[in-house]
PDB file of all heavy atoms in Angstrom:
ATOM      1  N   SER A   1      68.654  89.848  83.658  1.00  0.00           N
ATOM      2  CA  SER A   1      67.691  90.922  83.335  1.00  0.00           C
ATOM      3  C   SER A   1      67.689  90.953  81.760  1.00  0.00           C
ATOM      4  O   SER A   1      68.459  91.678  81.180  1.00  0.00           O
ATOM      5  CB  SER A   1      68.149  92.293  83.961  1.00  0.00           C
ATOM      6  OG  SER A   1      67.226  93.276  83.579  1.00  0.00           O
ATOM      7  N   PRO A   2      66.728  90.207  81.190  1.00  0.00           N
ATOM      8  CA  PRO A   2      66.765  90.077  79.759  1.00  0.00           C
ATOM      9  C   PRO A   2      66.483  91.405  79.032  1.00  0.00           C
ATOM     10  O   PRO A   2      65.533  92.061  79.411  1.00  0.00           O
ATOM     11  CB  PRO A   2      65.704  89.061  79.520  1.00  0.00           C
ATOM     12  CG  PRO A   2      65.458  88.286  80.700  1.00  0.00           C
ATOM     13  CD  PRO A   2      65.707  89.413  81.819  1.00  0.00           C
ATOM     14  N   GLU A   3      67.344  91.619  77.987  1.00  0.00           N
ATOM     15  CA  GLU A   3      67.067  92.899  77.305  1.00  0.00           C
ATOM     16  C   GLU A   3      65.938  92.750  76.284  1.00  0.00           C
ATOM     17  O   GLU A   3      65.427  91.661  76.037  1.00  0.00           O
ATOM     18  CB  GLU A   3      68.373  93.058  76.310  1.00  0.00           C
ATOM     19  CG  GLU A   3      69.555  93.494  76.999  1.00  0.00           C
ATOM     20  CD  GLU A   3      70.776  93.745  76.184  1.00  0.00           C
ATOM     21  OE1 GLU A   3      70.844  93.017  75.144  1.00  0.00           O
ATOM     22  OE2 GLU A   3      71.595  94.651  76.487  1.00  0.00           O
ATOM     23  N   GLY A   4      65.324  93.842  76.009  1.00  0.00           N
ATOM     24  CA  GLY A   4      64.267  93.843  74.979  1.00  0.00           C
ATOM     25  C   GLY A   4      62.841  93.702  75.356  1.00  0.00           C
ATOM     26  O   GLY A   4      61.862  93.787  74.619  1.00  0.00           O
ATOM     27  N   LEU A   5      62.644  93.504  76.726  1.00  0.00           N
ATOM     28  CA  LEU A   5      61.256  93.381  77.265  1.00  0.00           C
ATOM     29  C   LEU A   5      60.612  94.684  77.458  1.00  0.00           C
ATOM     30  O   LEU A   5      61.287  95.650  77.899  1.00  0.00           O
ATOM     31  CB  LEU A   5      61.291  92.660  78.635  1.00  0.00           C
ATOM     32  CG  LEU A   5      61.603  91.094  78.583  1.00  0.00           C
ATOM     33  CD1 LEU A   5      61.823  90.571  79.984  1.00  0.00           C
ATOM     34  CD2 LEU A   5      60.498  90.407  77.875  1.00  0.00           C
ATOM     35  N   PRO A   6      59.293  94.867  77.161  1.00  0.00           N
ATOM     36  CA  PRO A   6      58.718  96.159  77.437  1.00  0.00           C
ATOM     37  C   PRO A   6      58.574  96.357  78.932  1.00  0.00           C
ATOM     38  O   PRO A   6      58.671  95.368  79.893  1.00  0.00           O
ATOM     39  CB  PRO A   6      57.336  95.944  76.745  1.00  0.00           C
ATOM     40  CG  PRO A   6      57.025  94.447  76.657  1.00  0.00           C
ATOM     41  CD  PRO A   6      58.426  93.791  76.521  1.00  0.00           C
ATOM     42  N   GLU A   7      58.156  97.541  79.391  1.00  0.00           N
ATOM     43  CA  GLU A   7      57.868  97.824  80.749  1.00  0.00           C
ATOM     44  C   GLU A   7      56.644  96.991  81.303  1.00  0.00           C
ATOM     45  O   GLU A   7      55.785  96.737  80.376  1.00  0.00           O
ATOM     46  CB  GLU A   7      57.767  99.288  81.202  1.00  0.00           C
ATOM     47  CG  GLU A   7      59.061 100.031  81.078  1.00  0.00           C
ATOM     48  CD  GLU A   7      59.130 101.357  81.754  1.00  0.00           C
ATOM     49  OE1 GLU A   7      58.013 101.607  82.370  1.00  0.00           O
ATOM     50  OE2 GLU A   7      60.129 101.987  81.779  1.00  0.00           O
ATOM     51  N   PRO A   8      56.477  96.677  82.551  1.00  0.00           N
ATOM     52  CA  PRO A   8      55.417  95.815  83.019  1.00  0.00           C
ATOM     53  C   PRO A   8      53.937  96.372  82.749  1.00  0.00           C
ATOM     54  O   PRO A   8      53.131  95.539  82.622  1.00  0.00           O
ATOM     55  CB  PRO A   8      55.745  95.766  84.550  1.00  0.00           C
ATOM     56  CG  PRO A   8      57.162  95.969  84.784  1.00  0.00           C
ATOM     57  CD  PRO A   8      57.455  96.919  83.585  1.00  0.00           C
ATOM     58  N   ASN A   9      53.795  97.643  82.669  1.00  0.00           N
ATOM     59  CA  ASN A   9      52.464  98.163  82.372  1.00  0.00           C
ATOM     60  C   ASN A   9      52.140  98.209  80.894  1.00  0.00           C
ATOM     61  O   ASN A   9      51.060  98.543  80.515  1.00  0.00           O
ATOM     62  CB  ASN A   9      52.377  99.577  82.975  1.00  0.00           C
ATOM     63  CG  ASN A   9      52.264  99.589  84.481  1.00  0.00           C
ATOM     64  OD1 ASN A   9      51.841  98.566  85.055  1.00  0.00           O
ATOM     65  ND2 ASN A   9      52.762 100.561  85.138  1.00  0.00           N
ATOM     66  N   ASP A  10      53.100  97.853  80.088  1.00  0.00           N
ATOM     67  CA  ASP A  10      52.874  97.848  78.635  1.00  0.00           C
ATOM     68  C   ASP A  10      51.949  96.646  78.340  1.00  0.00           C
ATOM     69  O   ASP A  10      52.103  95.592  78.816  1.00  0.00           O
ATOM     70  CB  ASP A  10      54.222  97.653  77.872  1.00  0.00           C
ATOM     71  CG  ASP A  10      54.086  97.822  76.321  1.00  0.00           C
ATOM     72  OD1 ASP A  10      53.455  96.946  75.747  1.00  0.00           O
ATOM     73  OD2 ASP A  10      54.609  98.792  75.845  1.00  0.00           O
ATOM     74  N   PRO A  11      50.988  96.839  77.347  1.00  0.00           N
ATOM     75  CA  PRO A  11      50.020  95.870  76.959  1.00  0.00           C
ATOM     76  C   PRO A  11      50.672  94.603  76.413  1.00  0.00           C
ATOM     77  O   PRO A  11      50.163  93.498  76.537  1.00  0.00           O
ATOM     78  CB  PRO A  11      49.176  96.506  76.026  1.00  0.00           C
ATOM     79  CG  PRO A  11      49.220  97.937  76.207  1.00  0.00           C
ATOM     80  CD  PRO A  11      50.611  98.255  76.677  1.00  0.00           C
ATOM     81  N   GLY A  12      51.884  94.777  75.888  1.00  0.00           N
ATOM     82  CA  GLY A  12      52.514  93.614  75.354  1.00  0.00           C
ATOM     83  C   GLY A  12      53.509  92.877  76.305  1.00  0.00           C
ATOM     84  O   GLY A  12      54.237  91.863  75.921  1.00  0.00           O
ATOM     85  N   PHE A  13      53.481  93.267  77.610  1.00  0.00           N
ATOM     86  CA  PHE A  13      54.370  92.690  78.559  1.00  0.00           C
ATOM     87  C   PHE A  13      54.265  91.140  78.888  1.00  0.00           C
ATOM     88  O   PHE A  13      55.158  90.474  78.835  1.00  0.00           O
ATOM     89  CB  PHE A  13      54.406  93.489  79.892  1.00  0.00           C
ATOM     90  CG  PHE A  13      55.285  92.901  81.000  1.00  0.00           C
ATOM     91  CD1 PHE A  13      56.586  92.973  80.975  1.00  0.00           C
ATOM     92  CD2 PHE A  13      54.616  92.125  82.021  1.00  0.00           C
ATOM     93  CE1 PHE A  13      57.409  92.349  82.071  1.00  0.00           C
ATOM     94  CE2 PHE A  13      55.419  91.511  83.034  1.00  0.00           C
ATOM     95  CZ  PHE A  13      56.709  91.602  83.044  1.00  0.00           C
ATOM     96  N   VAL A  14      53.041  90.831  79.076  1.00  0.00           N
ATOM     97  CA  VAL A  14      52.702  89.441  79.420  1.00  0.00           C
ATOM     98  C   VAL A  14      53.151  88.414  78.316  1.00  0.00           C
ATOM     99  O   VAL A  14      53.867  87.485  78.533  1.00  0.00           O
ATOM    100  CB  VAL A  14      51.228  89.187  79.838  1.00  0.00           C
ATOM    101  CG1 VAL A  14      50.895  87.733  79.911  1.00  0.00           C
ATOM    102  CG2 VAL A  14      50.898  89.951  81.019  1.00  0.00           C
ATOM    103  N   ARG A  15      52.792  88.853  77.090  1.00  0.00           N
ATOM    104  CA  ARG A  15      53.228  87.941  75.970  1.00  0.00           C
ATOM    105  C   ARG A  15      54.772  87.883  75.781  1.00  0.00           C
ATOM    106  O   ARG A  15      55.308  86.790  75.697  1.00  0.00           O
ATOM    107  CB  ARG A  15      52.572  88.559  74.680  1.00  0.00           C
ATOM    108  CG  ARG A  15      52.998  87.655  73.404  1.00  0.00           C
ATOM    109  CD  ARG A  15      52.592  88.405  72.128  1.00  0.00           C
ATOM    110  NE  ARG A  15      53.139  89.761  72.020  1.00  0.00           N
ATOM    111  CZ  ARG A  15      54.444  89.961  71.634  1.00  0.00           C
ATOM    112  NH1 ARG A  15      55.224  88.945  71.409  1.00  0.00           N
ATOM    113  NH2 ARG A  15      54.832  91.233  71.574  1.00  0.00           N
ATOM    114  N   ALA A  16      55.363  88.993  75.870  1.00  0.00           N
ATOM    115  CA  ALA A  16      56.912  88.969  75.779  1.00  0.00           C
ATOM    116  C   ALA A  16      57.498  88.371  76.945  1.00  0.00           C
ATOM    117  O   ALA A  16      58.513  87.507  76.756  1.00  0.00           O
ATOM    118  CB  ALA A  16      57.429  90.390  75.722  1.00  0.00           C
ATOM    119  N   ALA A  17      57.068  88.521  78.232  1.00  0.00           N
ATOM    120  CA  ALA A  17      57.516  87.903  79.408  1.00  0.00           C
ATOM    121  C   ALA A  17      57.243  86.460  79.362  1.00  0.00           C
ATOM    122  O   ALA A  17      58.220  85.642  79.815  1.00  0.00           O
ATOM    123  CB  ALA A  17      56.909  88.503  80.604  1.00  0.00           C
ATOM    124  N   ALA A  18      56.230  86.044  78.685  1.00  0.00           N
ATOM    125  CA  ALA A  18      55.985  84.504  78.660  1.00  0.00           C
ATOM    126  C   ALA A  18      57.009  83.831  77.737  1.00  0.00           C
ATOM    127  O   ALA A  18      57.397  82.731  78.064  1.00  0.00           O
ATOM    128  CB  ALA A  18      54.571  84.257  78.183  1.00  0.00           C
ATOM    129  N   GLU A  19      57.368  84.570  76.692  1.00  0.00           N
ATOM    130  CA  GLU A  19      58.401  84.037  75.820  1.00  0.00           C
ATOM    131  C   GLU A  19      59.691  83.839  76.613  1.00  0.00           C
ATOM    132  O   GLU A  19      60.521  82.881  76.349  1.00  0.00           O
ATOM    133  CB  GLU A  19      58.579  84.833  74.570  1.00  0.00           C
ATOM    134  CG  GLU A  19      57.334  84.757  73.640  1.00  0.00           C
ATOM    135  CD  GLU A  19      57.161  83.299  73.141  1.00  0.00           C
ATOM    136  OE1 GLU A  19      58.096  82.624  72.829  1.00  0.00           O
ATOM    137  OE2 GLU A  19      55.979  82.854  73.249  1.00  0.00           O
ATOM    138  N   SER A  20      60.023  84.830  77.387  1.00  0.00           N
ATOM    139  CA  SER A  20      61.293  84.783  78.212  1.00  0.00           C
ATOM    140  C   SER A  20      61.296  83.577  79.140  1.00  0.00           C
ATOM    141  O   SER A  20      62.330  83.009  79.374  1.00  0.00           O
ATOM    142  CB  SER A  20      61.588  86.100  78.882  1.00  0.00           C
ATOM    143  OG  SER A  20      61.840  87.138  77.946  1.00  0.00           O
ATOM    144  N   ILE A  21      60.113  83.389  79.773  1.00  0.00           N
ATOM    145  CA  ILE A  21      59.876  82.258  80.660  1.00  0.00           C
ATOM    146  C   ILE A  21      60.173  80.928  79.969  1.00  0.00           C
ATOM    147  O   ILE A  21      60.878  80.081  80.475  1.00  0.00           O
ATOM    148  CB  ILE A  21      58.541  82.334  81.316  1.00  0.00           C
ATOM    149  CG1 ILE A  21      58.297  83.511  82.279  1.00  0.00           C
ATOM    150  CG2 ILE A  21      58.213  80.909  82.097  1.00  0.00           C
ATOM    151  CD1 ILE A  21      56.874  83.604  82.651  1.00  0.00           C
ATOM    152  N   ARG A  22      59.662  80.818  78.781  1.00  0.00           N
ATOM    153  CA  ARG A  22      59.905  79.630  77.946  1.00  0.00           C
ATOM    154  C   ARG A  22      61.420  79.468  77.689  1.00  0.00           C
ATOM    155  O   ARG A  22      61.970  78.329  77.884  1.00  0.00           O
ATOM    156  CB  ARG A  22      59.182  79.708  76.553  1.00  0.00           C
ATOM    157  CG  ARG A  22      57.726  79.533  76.693  1.00  0.00           C
ATOM    158  CD  ARG A  22      57.044  79.730  75.330  1.00  0.00           C
ATOM    159  NE  ARG A  22      55.605  79.281  75.370  1.00  0.00           N
ATOM    160  CZ  ARG A  22      55.283  77.988  75.338  1.00  0.00           C
ATOM    161  NH1 ARG A  22      56.145  77.057  75.201  1.00  0.00           N
ATOM    162  NH2 ARG A  22      53.945  77.623  75.398  1.00  0.00           N
ATOM    163  N   ALA A  23      62.071  80.543  77.282  1.00  0.00           N
ATOM    164  CA  ALA A  23      63.507  80.431  76.975  1.00  0.00           C
ATOM    165  C   ALA A  23      64.419  80.103  78.165  1.00  0.00           C
ATOM    166  O   ALA A  23      65.303  79.375  78.081  1.00  0.00           O
ATOM    167  CB  ALA A  23      64.009  81.730  76.264  1.00  0.00           C
ATOM    168  N   LEU A  24      63.973  80.759  79.342  1.00  0.00           N
ATOM    169  CA  LEU A  24      64.895  80.573  80.499  1.00  0.00           C
ATOM    170  C   LEU A  24      64.605  79.205  81.138  1.00  0.00           C
ATOM    171  O   LEU A  24      65.582  78.540  81.527  1.00  0.00           O
ATOM    172  CB  LEU A  24      64.476  81.618  81.533  1.00  0.00           C
ATOM    173  CG  LEU A  24      64.909  83.200  81.211  1.00  0.00           C
ATOM    174  CD1 LEU A  24      64.169  84.114  82.093  1.00  0.00           C
ATOM    175  CD2 LEU A  24      66.485  83.216  81.517  1.00  0.00           C
ATOM    176  N   THR A  25      63.471  78.693  81.149  1.00  0.00           N
ATOM    177  CA  THR A  25      63.224  77.307  81.631  1.00  0.00           C
ATOM    178  C   THR A  25      63.882  76.231  80.796  1.00  0.00           C
ATOM    179  O   THR A  25      64.251  75.228  81.304  1.00  0.00           O
ATOM    180  CB  THR A  25      61.623  77.025  81.852  1.00  0.00           C
ATOM    181  OG1 THR A  25      61.050  77.230  80.457  1.00  0.00           O
ATOM    182  CG2 THR A  25      60.978  77.920  82.903  1.00  0.00           C
ATOM    183  N   ALA A  26      64.021  76.579  79.469  1.00  0.00           N
ATOM    184  CA  ALA A  26      64.840  75.636  78.709  1.00  0.00           C
ATOM    185  C   ALA A  26      66.277  75.566  79.119  1.00  0.00           C
ATOM    186  O   ALA A  26      66.787  74.470  78.895  1.00  0.00           O
ATOM    187  CB  ALA A  26      64.680  76.042  77.209  1.00  0.00           C
ATOM    188  N   VAL A  27      66.745  76.592  79.548  1.00  0.00           N
ATOM    189  CA  VAL A  27      68.207  76.630  80.036  1.00  0.00           C
ATOM    190  C   VAL A  27      68.379  75.676  81.216  1.00  0.00           C
ATOM    191  O   VAL A  27      69.342  74.871  81.138  1.00  0.00           O
ATOM    192  CB  VAL A  27      68.569  78.042  80.442  1.00  0.00           C
ATOM    193  CG1 VAL A  27      69.969  77.925  81.060  1.00  0.00           C
ATOM    194  CG2 VAL A  27      68.624  79.015  79.320  1.00  0.00           C
ATOM    195  N   THR A  28      67.586  75.624  82.197  1.00  0.00           N
ATOM    196  CA  THR A  28      67.737  74.752  83.306  1.00  0.00           C
ATOM    197  C   THR A  28      66.840  73.416  83.292  1.00  0.00           C
ATOM    198  O   THR A  28      66.936  72.760  84.339  1.00  0.00           O
ATOM    199  CB  THR A  28      67.299  75.556  84.640  1.00  0.00           C
ATOM    200  OG1 THR A  28      65.969  76.002  84.455  1.00  0.00           O
ATOM    201  CG2 THR A  28      68.257  76.818  84.785  1.00  0.00           C
ATOM    202  N   GLY A  29      66.150  73.239  82.175  1.00  0.00           N
ATOM    203  CA  GLY A  29      65.350  72.030  82.203  1.00  0.00           C
ATOM    204  C   GLY A  29      64.213  72.054  83.154  1.00  0.00           C
ATOM    205  O   GLY A  29      63.890  71.112  83.882  1.00  0.00           O
ATOM    206  N   GLY A  30      63.543  73.221  83.143  1.00  0.00           N
ATOM    207  CA  GLY A  30      62.437  73.404  84.165  1.00  0.00           C
ATOM    208  C   GLY A  30      63.084  73.763  85.432  1.00  0.00           C
ATOM    209  O   GLY A  30      63.915  74.697  85.626  1.00  0.00           O
ATOM    210  N   ARG A  31      62.635  73.126  86.571  1.00  0.00           N
ATOM    211  CA  ARG A  31      63.167  73.256  87.942  1.00  0.00           C
ATOM    212  C   ARG A  31      63.111  74.714  88.297  1.00  0.00           C
ATOM    213  O   ARG A  31      63.989  75.306  88.784  1.00  0.00           O
ATOM    214  CB  ARG A  31      64.534  72.763  87.976  1.00  0.00           C
ATOM    215  CG  ARG A  31      64.790  71.289  87.627  1.00  0.00           C
ATOM    216  CD  ARG A  31      66.250  70.959  87.692  1.00  0.00           C
ATOM    217  NE  ARG A  31      66.365  69.504  87.531  1.00  0.00           N
ATOM    218  CZ  ARG A  31      66.634  68.985  86.320  1.00  0.00           C
ATOM    219  NH1 ARG A  31      66.695  69.740  85.232  1.00  0.00           N
ATOM    220  NH2 ARG A  31      66.787  67.654  86.202  1.00  0.00           N
ATOM    221  N   ALA A  32      61.911  75.397  87.966  1.00  0.00           N
ATOM    222  CA  ALA A  32      61.831  76.823  88.153  1.00  0.00           C
ATOM    223  C   ALA A  32      60.588  77.205  88.945  1.00  0.00           C
ATOM    224  O   ALA A  32      59.500  76.539  88.933  1.00  0.00           O
ATOM    225  CB  ALA A  32      61.702  77.521  86.802  1.00  0.00           C
ATOM    226  N   PHE A  33      60.723  78.231  89.805  1.00  0.00           N
ATOM    227  CA  PHE A  33      59.520  79.071  90.407  1.00  0.00           C
ATOM    228  C   PHE A  33      59.449  80.255  89.457  1.00  0.00           C
ATOM    229  O   PHE A  33      60.404  80.919  89.136  1.00  0.00           O
ATOM    230  CB  PHE A  33      59.979  79.470  91.765  1.00  0.00           C
ATOM    231  CG  PHE A  33      59.776  78.552  92.836  1.00  0.00           C
ATOM    232  CD1 PHE A  33      59.362  77.238  92.688  1.00  0.00           C
ATOM    233  CD2 PHE A  33      60.086  78.979  94.189  1.00  0.00           C
ATOM    234  CE1 PHE A  33      59.243  76.236  93.687  1.00  0.00           C
ATOM    235  CE2 PHE A  33      59.909  78.006  95.300  1.00  0.00           C
ATOM    236  CZ  PHE A  33      59.428  76.715  94.937  1.00  0.00           C
ATOM    237  N   VAL A  34      58.216  80.563  89.135  1.00  0.00           N
ATOM    238  CA  VAL A  34      57.877  81.858  88.553  1.00  0.00           C
ATOM    239  C   VAL A  34      57.026  82.507  89.522  1.00  0.00           C
ATOM    240  O   VAL A  34      55.886  82.283  89.808  1.00  0.00           O
ATOM    241  CB  VAL A  34      57.044  81.639  87.281  1.00  0.00           C
ATOM    242  CG1 VAL A  34      56.666  82.977  86.567  1.00  0.00           C
ATOM    243  CG2 VAL A  34      57.762  80.752  86.188  1.00  0.00           C
TER     244      VAL A  34
END
């Protein structure tokens, strides 16, 4: 549960969550369901 993300209804959620997706997929080398 990554710290620092805004709540889902916040206008900035999608942008911040997309950055988390980038960082997390780098950990496992892809191989991910979103």
